Structures are given as C-alpha cells and as structure tokens.
Amino acid sequence: MKKILLILLFISFCLGQSAHAAPNKALEALETLRRGFSGMNDFTADIVQEKQMA
C-alpha cells in the first residue's frame, strides 16, 4: 500500500512540475508585439514640431 501511495505521490509531483514548465503563450505574444513595435518611430512628435515651426 505504501508503494502505491509513493508512486501516486511521485506521479502527481511530476505532473505538477510539467504544468509549471509550460510556456505562457499570452506572454510570448505580448513580447513579440513589444519587439515589433520597438523598432517603429513615433511620428506624432515630428508632426507637432513641424506645425509649431510653420
């Protein structure tokens, strides 16, 4: 009986660890968007400056 309980405990521990190791898809998607937008320039400051100069 102790062997079965020990095996079940070991299996539940292994399953619990694998669930935490799964990658977070939402976080990966946000990081991809952040990297994509980091290369873009904000043109609103340029437009405001041109309007002020005109």
Foldseek 3Di string as FASTA:
>chain_A
DVVVVVVVVVVVVVVVVVVVVDDDPVVVVVVVVVVVCVPDDDCPVVVVVVVVVD
